[in-house]
PDB file of N, CA and C in Angstrom:
ATOM      1  N   MET A   1       0.842  -1.174   0.000  1.00  0.00           N
ATOM      2  CA  MET A   1       0.000   0.000   0.000  1.00  0.00           C
ATOM      3  C   MET A   1       0.891   1.243   0.000  1.00  0.00           C
ATOM      4  N   ARG A   2       0.458   2.267  -0.672  1.00  0.00           N
ATOM      5  CA  ARG A   2       1.248   3.482  -0.810  1.00  0.00           C
ATOM      6  C   ARG A   2       1.310   4.260   0.492  1.00  0.00           C
ATOM      7  N   ASP A   3       2.391   5.005   0.652  1.00  0.00           N
ATOM      8  CA  ASP A   3       2.559   5.847   1.821  1.00  0.00           C
ATOM      9  C   ASP A   3       1.639   7.059   1.746  1.00  0.00           C
ATOM     10  N   ARG A   4       1.297   7.546   2.929  1.00  0.00           N
ATOM     11  CA  ARG A   4       0.513   8.776   3.056  1.00  0.00           C
ATOM     12  C   ARG A   4       1.197   9.658   4.079  1.00  0.00           C
ATOM     13  N   MET A   5       0.903  10.939   4.005  1.00  0.00           N
ATOM     14  CA  MET A   5       1.412  11.871   4.995  1.00  0.00           C
ATOM     15  C   MET A   5       0.244  12.432   5.787  1.00  0.00           C
ATOM     16  N   LEU A   6       0.386  12.399   7.088  1.00  0.00           N
ATOM     17  CA  LEU A   6      -0.580  13.011   7.986  1.00  0.00           C
ATOM     18  C   LEU A   6       0.021  14.333   8.427  1.00  0.00           C
ATOM     19  N   ILE A   7      -0.730  15.393   8.250  1.00  0.00           N
ATOM     20  CA  ILE A   7      -0.349  16.716   8.735  1.00  0.00           C
ATOM     21  C   ILE A   7      -1.264  17.020   9.908  1.00  0.00           C
ATOM     22  N   LEU A   8      -0.666  17.257  11.049  1.00  0.00           N
ATOM     23  CA  LEU A   8      -1.424  17.491  12.272  1.00  0.00           C
ATOM     24  C   LEU A   8      -1.104  18.887  12.792  1.00  0.00           C
ATOM     25  N   VAL A   9      -2.136  19.689  12.963  1.00  0.00           N
ATOM     26  CA  VAL A   9      -2.003  21.019  13.557  1.00  0.00           C
ATOM     27  C   VAL A   9      -2.791  20.979  14.856  1.00  0.00           C
ATOM     28  N   TYR A  10      -2.120  21.314  15.967  1.00  0.00           N
ATOM     29  CA  TYR A  10      -2.788  21.183  17.254  1.00  0.00           C
ATOM     30  C   TYR A  10      -2.275  22.219  18.245  1.00  0.00           C
ATOM     31  N   SER A  11      -3.122  22.548  19.193  1.00  0.00           N
ATOM     32  CA  SER A  11      -2.740  23.475  20.254  1.00  0.00           C
ATOM     33  C   SER A  11      -1.564  22.893  21.027  1.00  0.00           C
ATOM     34  N   SER A  12      -0.580  23.715  21.309  1.00  0.00           N
ATOM     35  CA  SER A  12       0.601  23.236  22.036  1.00  0.00           C
ATOM     36  C   SER A  12       0.238  22.673  23.406  1.00  0.00           C
ATOM     37  N   ILE A  13      -0.918  23.018  23.918  1.00  0.00           N
ATOM     38  CA  ILE A  13      -1.393  22.473  25.193  1.00  0.00           C
ATOM     39  C   ILE A  13      -1.541  20.953  25.106  1.00  0.00           C
ATOM     40  N   LEU A  14      -1.809  20.445  23.914  1.00  0.00           N
ATOM     41  CA  LEU A  14      -2.033  19.007  23.711  1.00  0.00           C
ATOM     42  C   LEU A  14      -0.755  18.237  23.402  1.00  0.00           C
ATOM     43  N   ASP A  15       0.397  18.872  23.491  1.00  0.00           N
ATOM     44  CA  ASP A  15       1.645  18.249  23.065  1.00  0.00           C
ATOM     45  C   ASP A  15       1.895  16.902  23.743  1.00  0.00           C
ATOM     46  N   ASN A  16       1.762  16.831  25.054  1.00  0.00           N
ATOM     47  CA  ASN A  16       2.012  15.563  25.760  1.00  0.00           C
ATOM     48  C   ASN A  16       1.029  14.478  25.342  1.00  0.00           C
ATOM     49  N   ALA A  17      -0.230  14.834  25.197  1.00  0.00           N
ATOM     50  CA  ALA A  17      -1.243  13.853  24.790  1.00  0.00           C
ATOM     51  C   ALA A  17      -0.960  13.333  23.376  1.00  0.00           C
ATOM     52  N   VAL A  18      -0.544  14.227  22.481  1.00  0.00           N
ATOM     53  CA  VAL A  18      -0.210  13.811  21.113  1.00  0.00           C
ATOM     54  C   VAL A  18       0.995  12.877  21.145  1.00  0.00           C
ATOM     55  N   ARG A  19       2.003  13.218  21.942  1.00  0.00           N
ATOM     56  CA  ARG A  19       3.208  12.370  22.036  1.00  0.00           C
ATOM     57  C   ARG A  19       2.865  10.971  22.540  1.00  0.00           C
ATOM     58  N   GLU A  20       1.939  10.881  23.476  1.00  0.00           N
ATOM     59  CA  GLU A  20       1.534   9.572  23.989  1.00  0.00           C
ATOM     60  C   GLU A  20       0.912   8.720  22.878  1.00  0.00           C
ATOM     61  N   VAL A  21       0.068   9.335  22.057  1.00  0.00           N
ATOM     62  CA  VAL A  21      -0.546   8.603  20.948  1.00  0.00           C
ATOM     63  C   VAL A  21       0.533   8.140  19.973  1.00  0.00           C
ATOM     64  N   LEU A  22       1.490   9.004  19.656  1.00  0.00           N
ATOM     65  CA  LEU A  22       2.574   8.625  18.738  1.00  0.00           C
ATOM     66  C   LEU A  22       3.389   7.478  19.305  1.00  0.00           C
ATOM     67  N   ASP A  23       3.673   7.524  20.605  1.00  0.00           N
ATOM     68  CA  ASP A  23       4.415   6.436  21.245  1.00  0.00           C
ATOM     69  C   ASP A  23       3.631   5.121  21.199  1.00  0.00           C
ATOM     70  N   GLU A  24       2.342   5.200  21.521  1.00  0.00           N
ATOM     71  CA  GLU A  24       1.497   3.998  21.511  1.00  0.00           C
ATOM     72  C   GLU A  24       1.422   3.377  20.116  1.00  0.00           C
ATOM     73  N   MET A  25       1.462   4.217  19.092  1.00  0.00           N
ATOM     74  CA  MET A  25       1.356   3.746  17.706  1.00  0.00           C
ATOM     75  C   MET A  25       2.727   3.420  17.100  1.00  0.00           C
ATOM     76  N   ASN A  26       3.782   3.550  17.903  1.00  0.00           N
ATOM     77  CA  ASN A  26       5.152   3.285  17.434  1.00  0.00           C
ATOM     78  C   ASN A  26       5.527   4.114  16.210  1.00  0.00           C
ATOM     79  N   VAL A  27       5.137   5.391  16.243  1.00  0.00           N
ATOM     80  CA  VAL A  27       5.550   6.320  15.191  1.00  0.00           C
ATOM     81  C   VAL A  27       6.956   6.774  15.541  1.00  0.00           C
ATOM     82  N   CYS A  28       7.904   6.381  14.722  1.00  0.00           N
ATOM     83  CA  CYS A  28       9.318   6.641  15.027  1.00  0.00           C
ATOM     84  C   CYS A  28       9.825   7.935  14.429  1.00  0.00           C
ATOM     85  N   GLY A  29       9.242   8.377  13.344  1.00  0.00           N
ATOM     86  CA  GLY A  29       9.767   9.550  12.672  1.00  0.00           C
ATOM     87  C   GLY A  29       8.689  10.553  12.343  1.00  0.00           C
ATOM     88  N   PHE A  30       9.035  11.805  12.491  1.00  0.00           N
ATOM     89  CA  PHE A  30       8.139  12.890  12.123  1.00  0.00           C
ATOM     90  C   PHE A  30       8.947  14.170  12.035  1.00  0.00           C
ATOM     91  N   THR A  31       8.373  15.172  11.417  1.00  0.00           N
ATOM     92  CA  THR A  31       8.944  16.509  11.401  1.00  0.00           C
ATOM     93  C   THR A  31       8.004  17.402  12.182  1.00  0.00           C
ATOM     94  N   GLU A  32       8.562  18.197  13.071  1.00  0.00           N
ATOM     95  CA  GLU A  32       7.745  19.042  13.943  1.00  0.00           C
ATOM     96  C   GLU A  32       8.087  20.510  13.735  1.00  0.00           C
ATOM     97  N   LEU A  33       7.055  21.311  13.663  1.00  0.00           N
ATOM     98  CA  LEU A  33       7.190  22.763  13.675  1.00  0.00           C
ATOM     99  C   LEU A  33       6.517  23.262  14.944  1.00  0.00           C
ATOM    100  N   GLU A  34       7.241  24.027  15.744  1.00  0.00           N
ATOM    101  CA  GLU A  34       6.678  24.553  16.983  1.00  0.00           C
ATOM    102  C   GLU A  34       6.312  26.021  16.815  1.00  0.00           C
ATOM    103  N   ASN A  35       5.446  26.488  17.706  1.00  0.00           N
ATOM    104  CA  ASN A  35       5.051  27.898  17.763  1.00  0.00           C
ATOM    105  C   ASN A  35       4.448  28.389  16.454  1.00  0.00           C
ATOM    106  N   VAL A  36       3.535  27.589  15.914  1.00  0.00           N
ATOM    107  CA  VAL A  36       2.854  27.918  14.677  1.00  0.00           C
ATOM    108  C   VAL A  36       1.653  28.801  15.014  1.00  0.00           C
ATOM    109  N   LYS A  37       1.517  29.879  14.287  1.00  0.00           N
ATOM    110  CA  LYS A  37       0.426  30.824  14.518  1.00  0.00           C
ATOM    111  C   LYS A  37      -0.711  30.548  13.547  1.00  0.00           C
ATOM    112  N   GLY A  38      -1.933  30.878  13.978  1.00  0.00           N
ATOM    113  CA  GLY A  38      -3.069  30.700  13.092  1.00  0.00           C
ATOM    114  C   GLY A  38      -4.372  31.057  13.769  1.00  0.00           C
ATOM    115  N   LYS A  39      -5.458  30.763  13.075  1.00  0.00           N
ATOM    116  CA  LYS A  39      -6.801  31.018  13.591  1.00  0.00           C
ATOM    117  C   LYS A  39      -7.702  29.884  13.144  1.00  0.00           C
ATOM    118  N   GLY A  40      -8.473  29.372  14.084  1.00  0.00           N
ATOM    119  CA  GLY A  40      -9.434  28.325  13.775  1.00  0.00           C
ATOM    120  C   GLY A  40     -10.848  28.847  13.905  1.00  0.00           C
ATOM    121  N   PRO A  41     -11.790  28.250  13.175  1.00  0.00           N
ATOM    122  CA  PRO A  41     -13.170  28.720  13.239  1.00  0.00           C
ATOM    123  C   PRO A  41     -13.819  28.516  14.609  1.00  0.00           C
ATOM    124  N   ARG A  42     -13.388  27.499  15.340  1.00  0.00           N
ATOM    125  CA  ARG A  42     -13.934  27.227  16.674  1.00  0.00           C
ATOM    126  C   ARG A  42     -13.058  27.782  17.781  1.00  0.00           C
ATOM    127  N   THR A  43     -11.752  27.706  17.598  1.00  0.00           N
ATOM    128  CA  THR A  43     -10.836  28.007  18.701  1.00  0.00           C
ATOM    129  C   THR A  43     -10.249  29.407  18.641  1.00  0.00           C
ATOM    130  N   GLY A  44     -10.495  30.142  17.577  1.00  0.00           N
ATOM    131  CA  GLY A  44     -10.027  31.517  17.482  1.00  0.00           C
ATOM    132  C   GLY A  44      -8.539  31.618  17.180  1.00  0.00           C
ATOM    133  N   PHE A  45      -7.989  32.761  17.535  1.00  0.00           N
ATOM    134  CA  PHE A  45      -6.596  33.068  17.220  1.00  0.00           C
ATOM    135  C   PHE A  45      -5.626  32.339  18.142  1.00  0.00           C
ATOM    136  N   HIS A  46      -4.524  31.900  17.562  1.00  0.00           N
ATOM    137  CA  HIS A  46      -3.369  31.359  18.277  1.00  0.00           C
ATOM    138  C   HIS A  46      -2.162  32.117  17.733  1.00  0.00           C
ATOM    139  N   LEU A  47      -1.817  33.225  18.392  1.00  0.00           N
ATOM    140  CA  LEU A  47      -0.809  34.124  17.848  1.00  0.00           C
ATOM    141  C   LEU A  47       0.399  34.328  18.750  1.00  0.00           C
ATOM    142  N   GLY A  48       0.374  33.797  19.962  1.00  0.00           N
ATOM    143  CA  GLY A  48       1.510  33.952  20.859  1.00  0.00           C
ATOM    144  C   GLY A  48       1.702  35.374  21.349  1.00  0.00           C
ATOM    145  N   THR A  49       0.621  36.142  21.394  1.00  0.00           N
ATOM    146  CA  THR A  49       0.702  37.525  21.879  1.00  0.00           C
ATOM    147  C   THR A  49       0.017  37.621  23.238  1.00  0.00           C
ATOM    148  N   SER A  50       0.106  38.791  23.857  1.00  0.00           N
ATOM    149  CA  SER A  50      -0.556  38.960  25.156  1.00  0.00           C
ATOM    150  C   SER A  50      -2.075  38.886  25.021  1.00  0.00           C
ATOM    151  N   VAL A  51      -2.594  39.285  23.890  1.00  0.00           N
ATOM    152  CA  VAL A  51      -4.044  39.231  23.667  1.00  0.00           C
ATOM    153  C   VAL A  51      -4.487  37.823  23.279  1.00  0.00           C
ATOM    154  N   TYR A  52      -3.710  37.165  22.410  1.00  0.00           N
ATOM    155  CA  TYR A  52      -3.994  35.803  21.959  1.00  0.00           C
ATOM    156  C   TYR A  52      -2.758  34.941  22.242  1.00  0.00           C
ATOM    157  N   PRO A  53      -2.614  34.477  23.497  1.00  0.00           N
ATOM    158  CA  PRO A  53      -1.352  33.853  23.907  1.00  0.00           C
ATOM    159  C   PRO A  53      -1.099  32.428  23.399  1.00  0.00           C
ATOM    160  N   ASP A  54      -2.126  31.729  22.973  1.00  0.00           N
ATOM    161  CA  ASP A  54      -1.928  30.334  22.568  1.00  0.00           C
ATOM    162  C   ASP A  54      -1.116  30.238  21.281  1.00  0.00           C
ATOM    163  N   LEU A  55      -0.427  29.107  21.129  1.00  0.00           N
ATOM    164  CA  LEU A  55       0.299  28.775  19.908  1.00  0.00           C
ATOM    165  C   LEU A  55      -0.003  27.333  19.528  1.00  0.00           C
ATOM    166  N   ASN A  56       0.235  26.997  18.287  1.00  0.00           N
ATOM    167  CA  ASN A  56       0.039  25.644  17.790  1.00  0.00           C
ATOM    168  C   ASN A  56       1.378  24.985  17.503  1.00  0.00           C
ATOM    169  N   ASN A  57       1.338  23.683  17.329  1.00  0.00           N
ATOM    170  CA  ASN A  57       2.448  22.900  16.802  1.00  0.00           C
ATOM    171  C   ASN A  57       1.936  22.172  15.572  1.00  0.00           C
ATOM    172  N   MET A  58       2.846  21.777  14.707  1.00  0.00           N
ATOM    173  CA  MET A  58       2.499  20.978  13.532  1.00  0.00           C
ATOM    174  C   MET A  58       3.420  19.769  13.456  1.00  0.00           C
ATOM    175  N   LEU A  59       2.853  18.657  13.061  1.00  0.00           N
ATOM    176  CA  LEU A  59       3.630  17.450  12.805  1.00  0.00           C
ATOM    177  C   LEU A  59       3.347  16.977  11.391  1.00  0.00           C
ATOM    178  N   PHE A  60       4.397  16.518  10.726  1.00  0.00           N
ATOM    179  CA  PHE A  60       4.302  15.870   9.425  1.00  0.00           C
ATOM    180  C   PHE A  60       4.785  14.445   9.626  1.00  0.00           C
ATOM    181  N   ILE A  61       3.905  13.480   9.374  1.00  0.00           N
ATOM    182  CA  ILE A  61       4.219  12.072   9.615  1.00  0.00           C
ATOM    183  C   ILE A  61       3.966  11.290   8.329  1.00  0.00           C
ATOM    184  N   ILE A  62       4.968  10.542   7.872  1.00  0.00           N
ATOM    185  CA  ILE A  62       4.804   9.696   6.693  1.00  0.00           C
ATOM    186  C   ILE A  62       4.889   8.239   7.136  1.00  0.00           C
ATOM    187  N   GLU A  63       3.849   7.499   6.822  1.00  0.00           N
ATOM    188  CA  GLU A  63       3.762   6.068   7.137  1.00  0.00           C
ATOM    189  C   GLU A  63       2.935   5.416   6.034  1.00  0.00           C
ATOM    190  N   ASP A  64       2.801   4.095   6.119  1.00  0.00           N
ATOM    191  CA  ASP A  64       1.923   3.439   5.148  1.00  0.00           C
ATOM    192  C   ASP A  64       0.479   3.853   5.430  1.00  0.00           C
ATOM    193  N   ALA A  65      -0.346   3.757   4.408  1.00  0.00           N
ATOM    194  CA  ALA A  65      -1.713   4.275   4.469  1.00  0.00           C
ATOM    195  C   ALA A  65      -2.522   3.653   5.599  1.00  0.00           C
ATOM    196  N   GLU A  66      -2.340   2.365   5.854  1.00  0.00           N
ATOM    197  CA  GLU A  66      -3.102   1.702   6.915  1.00  0.00           C
ATOM    198  C   GLU A  66      -2.756   2.277   8.285  1.00  0.00           C
ATOM    199  N   LYS A  67      -1.466   2.474   8.542  1.00  0.00           N
ATOM    200  CA  LYS A  67      -1.045   3.018   9.831  1.00  0.00           C
ATOM    201  C   LYS A  67      -1.522   4.461   9.989  1.00  0.00           C
ATOM    202  N   ILE A  68      -1.485   5.229   8.910  1.00  0.00           N
ATOM    203  CA  ILE A  68      -1.968   6.615   8.965  1.00  0.00           C
ATOM    204  C   ILE A  68      -3.463   6.630   9.275  1.00  0.00           C
ATOM    205  N   ALA A  69      -4.219   5.710   8.711  1.00  0.00           N
ATOM    206  CA  ALA A  69      -5.660   5.657   8.965  1.00  0.00           C
ATOM    207  C   ALA A  69      -5.944   5.371  10.440  1.00  0.00           C
ATOM    208  N   VAL A  70      -5.214   4.429  11.019  1.00  0.00           N
ATOM    209  CA  VAL A  70      -5.403   4.100  12.438  1.00  0.00           C
ATOM    210  C   VAL A  70      -4.965   5.277  13.313  1.00  0.00           C
ATOM    211  N   LEU A  71      -3.841   5.886  12.986  1.00  0.00           N
ATOM    212  CA  LEU A  71      -3.357   7.038  13.737  1.00  0.00           C
ATOM    213  C   LEU A  71      -4.366   8.182  13.668  1.00  0.00           C
ATOM    214  N   ALA A  72      -4.909   8.432  12.495  1.00  0.00           N
ATOM    215  CA  ALA A  72      -5.912   9.492  12.339  1.00  0.00           C
ATOM    216  C   ALA A  72      -7.135   9.214  13.200  1.00  0.00           C
ATOM    217  N   ASP A  73      -7.577   7.968  13.257  1.00  0.00           N
ATOM    218  CA  ASP A  73      -8.723   7.615  14.102  1.00  0.00           C
ATOM    219  C   ASP A  73      -8.435   7.904  15.572  1.00  0.00           C
ATOM    220  N   GLU A  74      -7.234   7.566  16.025  1.00  0.00           N
ATOM    221  CA  GLU A  74      -6.865   7.830  17.425  1.00  0.00           C
ATOM    222  C   GLU A  74      -6.823   9.331  17.712  1.00  0.00           C
ATOM    223  N   LEU A  75      -6.305  10.089  16.785  1.00  0.00           N
ATOM    224  CA  LEU A  75      -6.226  11.540  16.978  1.00  0.00           C
ATOM    225  C   LEU A  75      -7.608  12.188  16.927  1.00  0.00           C
ATOM    226  N   LYS A  76      -8.512  11.635  16.121  1.00  0.00           N
ATOM    227  CA  LYS A  76      -9.881  12.151  16.083  1.00  0.00           C
ATOM    228  C   LYS A  76     -10.575  11.948  17.425  1.00  0.00           C
ATOM    229  N   LYS A  77     -10.261  10.849  18.108  1.00  0.00           N
ATOM    230  CA  LYS A  77     -10.796  10.634  19.459  1.00  0.00           C
ATOM    231  C   LYS A  77     -10.314  11.739  20.391  1.00  0.00           C
ATOM    232  N   MET A  78      -9.044  12.114  20.262  1.00  0.00           N
ATOM    233  CA  MET A  78      -8.492  13.186  21.088  1.00  0.00           C
ATOM    234  C   MET A  78      -9.183  14.512  20.777  1.00  0.00           C
ATOM    235  N   GLU A  79      -9.483  14.732  19.513  1.00  0.00           N
ATOM    236  CA  GLU A  79     -10.175  15.962  19.116  1.00  0.00           C
ATOM    237  C   GLU A  79     -11.533  16.060  19.815  1.00  0.00           C
ATOM    238  N   LYS A  80     -12.224  14.930  19.928  1.00  0.00           N
ATOM    239  CA  LYS A  80     -13.516  14.920  20.619  1.00  0.00           C
ATOM    240  C   LYS A  80     -13.349  15.093  22.124  1.00  0.00           C
ATOM    241  N   GLU A  81     -12.251  14.577  22.661  1.00  0.00           N
ATOM    242  CA  GLU A  81     -11.982  14.676  24.098  1.00  0.00           C
ATOM    243  C   GLU A  81     -11.623  16.105  24.515  1.00  0.00           C
ATOM    244  N   PHE A  82     -10.970  16.848  23.623  1.00  0.00           N
ATOM    245  CA  PHE A  82     -10.540  18.219  23.917  1.00  0.00           C
ATOM    246  C   PHE A  82     -11.072  19.177  22.845  1.00  0.00           C
ATOM    247  N   PRO A  83     -12.390  19.347  22.745  1.00  0.00           N
ATOM    248  CA  PRO A  83     -12.952  20.127  21.630  1.00  0.00           C
ATOM    249  C   PRO A  83     -12.588  21.606  21.645  1.00  0.00           C
ATOM    250  N   ASP A  84     -12.233  22.157  22.788  1.00  0.00           N
ATOM    251  CA  ASP A  84     -11.937  23.583  22.877  1.00  0.00           C
ATOM    252  C   ASP A  84     -10.472  23.924  22.664  1.00  0.00           C
ATOM    253  N   GLU A  85      -9.619  22.927  22.492  1.00  0.00           N
ATOM    254  CA  GLU A  85      -8.188  23.176  22.390  1.00  0.00           C
ATOM    255  C   GLU A  85      -7.693  23.327  20.954  1.00  0.00           C
ATOM    256  N   GLY A  86      -8.344  22.747  20.014  1.00  0.00           N
ATOM    257  CA  GLY A  86      -7.925  22.861  18.618  1.00  0.00           C
ATOM    258  C   GLY A  86      -7.005  21.732  18.195  1.00  0.00           C
ATOM    259  N   LEU A  87      -7.467  20.932  17.277  1.00  0.00           N
ATOM    260  CA  LEU A  87      -6.689  19.845  16.702  1.00  0.00           C
ATOM    261  C   LEU A  87      -7.291  19.555  15.330  1.00  0.00           C
ATOM    262  N   LYS A  88      -6.495  19.694  14.304  1.00  0.00           N
ATOM    263  CA  LYS A  88      -6.949  19.399  12.941  1.00  0.00           C
ATOM    264  C   LYS A  88      -5.945  18.487  12.280  1.00  0.00           C
ATOM    265  N   LEU A  89      -6.435  17.566  11.474  1.00  0.00           N
ATOM    266  CA  LEU A  89      -5.524  16.690  10.761  1.00  0.00           C
ATOM    267  C   LEU A  89      -5.957  16.563   9.313  1.00  0.00           C
ATOM    268  N   PHE A  90      -4.944  16.375   8.490  1.00  0.00           N
ATOM    269  CA  PHE A  90      -5.125  16.246   7.057  1.00  0.00           C
ATOM    270  C   PHE A  90      -4.244  15.090   6.587  1.00  0.00           C
ATOM    271  N   THR A  91      -4.726  14.301   5.647  1.00  0.00           N
ATOM    272  CA  THR A  91      -3.893  13.261   5.071  1.00  0.00           C
ATOM    273  C   THR A  91      -3.802  13.496   3.568  1.00  0.00           C
ATOM    274  N   VAL A  92      -2.596  13.258   3.058  1.00  0.00           N
ATOM    275  CA  VAL A  92      -2.360  13.451   1.630  1.00  0.00           C
ATOM    276  C   VAL A  92      -1.516  12.285   1.118  1.00  0.00           C
ATOM    277  N   PRO A  93      -1.725  11.879  -0.145  1.00  0.00           N
ATOM    278  CA  PRO A  93      -0.898  10.815  -0.706  1.00  0.00           C
ATOM    279  C   PRO A  93       0.511  11.320  -0.952  1.00  0.00           C
ATOM    280  N   ILE A  94       1.457  10.406  -0.858  1.00  0.00           N
ATOM    281  CA  ILE A  94       2.854  10.710  -1.156  1.00  0.00           C
ATOM    282  C   ILE A  94       3.167  10.157  -2.535  1.00  0.00           C
ATOM    283  N   GLU A  95       3.546  11.024  -3.421  1.00  0.00           N
ATOM    284  CA  GLU A  95       3.870  10.614  -4.781  1.00  0.00           C
ATOM    285  C   GLU A  95       5.308  10.158  -4.901  1.00  0.00           C
ATOM    286  N   GLU A  96       6.190  10.763  -4.105  1.00  0.00           N
ATOM    287  CA  GLU A  96       7.607  10.474  -4.236  1.00  0.00           C
ATOM    288  C   GLU A  96       8.280  10.718  -2.895  1.00  0.00           C
ATOM    289  N   LEU A  97       9.225   9.855  -2.548  1.00  0.00           N
ATOM    290  CA  LEU A  97      10.009  10.042  -1.315  1.00  0.00           C
ATOM    291  C   LEU A  97      11.435  10.353  -1.678  1.00  0.00           C
TER     292      LEU A  97
END
């Protein structure tokens, strides 16, 4: 099965919870961007300022499609558990590595 990439954007408050899911799923490799700024339709601004102090993190994870599907399901559970914190995920096919 072809590889897919999961792009995860989440409130930095959820960092430990996200790491636990990655550990449980034996995700060994990823690329992380910290202190990502943005605005969500439900969670509002995350700008790292005194007015909007929250920030996001982003992870890029490439695995086989089956593992990405299971990982996405686990992260969607977290999204329901913490609806006010902000967590979005996107999956895209990988054409070339």
